Amino acid sequence: MEVSPMSSNLPDPQEVNVDDLQTLIENMPEEKRQQLISQLDLGDLGSGNIGL
């Protein structure tokens, strides 16, 4: 299997620490965070409104 250059520096998804991921997202610039949220299609999850 060929690994693309963009994904070669990503950690193994099985080894990702949730706390590390949360810290990474919190430290993102707002513009990047909004891009990520929209790509993940989480709707209003980022604002705390999950529609429950």
Protein backbone atom coordinates (compact mmCIF):
# COMPACT_ATOMS: atom_id res chain seq x y z
CA MET A 1 0.00 0.00 0.00
CA GLU A 2 1.38 3.40 -0.98
CA VAL A 3 1.31 6.15 1.64
CA SER A 4 0.63 9.65 0.41
CA PRO A 5 2.99 12.40 1.60
CA MET A 6 0.16 14.22 3.38
CA SER A 7 -0.73 11.28 5.61
CA SER A 8 2.81 10.04 6.27
CA ASN A 9 3.20 12.30 9.32
CA LEU A 10 -0.15 11.40 10.91
CA PRO A 11 -0.26 9.16 13.97
CA ASP A 12 -1.87 5.73 13.92
CA PRO A 13 -5.61 6.36 14.52
CA GLN A 14 -5.62 3.49 17.03
CA GLU A 15 -3.03 5.35 19.15
CA VAL A 16 -4.52 8.85 19.17
CA ASN A 17 -5.10 10.23 22.65
CA VAL A 18 -8.44 12.03 23.00
CA ASP A 19 -6.92 14.63 25.35
CA ASP A 20 -4.16 15.39 22.84
CA LEU A 21 -6.74 15.77 20.08
CA GLN A 22 -8.88 18.09 22.21
CA THR A 23 -5.85 20.23 23.05
CA LEU A 24 -4.90 20.40 19.37
CA ILE A 25 -8.40 21.56 18.40
CA GLU A 26 -8.52 24.12 21.22
CA ASN A 27 -5.20 25.57 20.05
CA MET A 28 -6.25 25.85 16.41
CA PRO A 29 -6.87 29.27 14.92
CA GLU A 30 -10.62 29.95 14.81
CA GLU A 31 -10.71 29.78 11.01
CA LYS A 32 -9.14 26.31 10.97
CA ARG A 33 -11.42 25.13 13.75
CA GLN A 34 -14.49 26.23 11.78
CA GLN A 35 -13.18 24.40 8.68
CA LEU A 36 -12.67 21.25 10.72
CA ILE A 37 -16.12 21.44 12.29
CA SER A 38 -17.77 21.97 8.93
CA GLN A 39 -15.81 19.10 7.35
CA LEU A 40 -16.81 16.79 10.19
CA ASP A 41 -20.44 17.87 9.72
CA LEU A 42 -21.02 18.23 13.45
CA GLY A 43 -23.51 21.02 13.04
CA ASP A 44 -23.73 23.07 16.22
CA LEU A 45 -21.79 20.61 18.37
CA GLY A 46 -18.89 23.05 18.66
CA SER A 47 -21.12 25.69 20.24
CA GLY A 48 -22.54 23.29 22.82
CA ASN A 49 -25.96 23.03 21.14
CA ILE A 50 -26.36 19.37 20.23
CA GLY A 51 -30.12 19.48 19.88
CA LEU A 52 -31.05 17.30 22.82
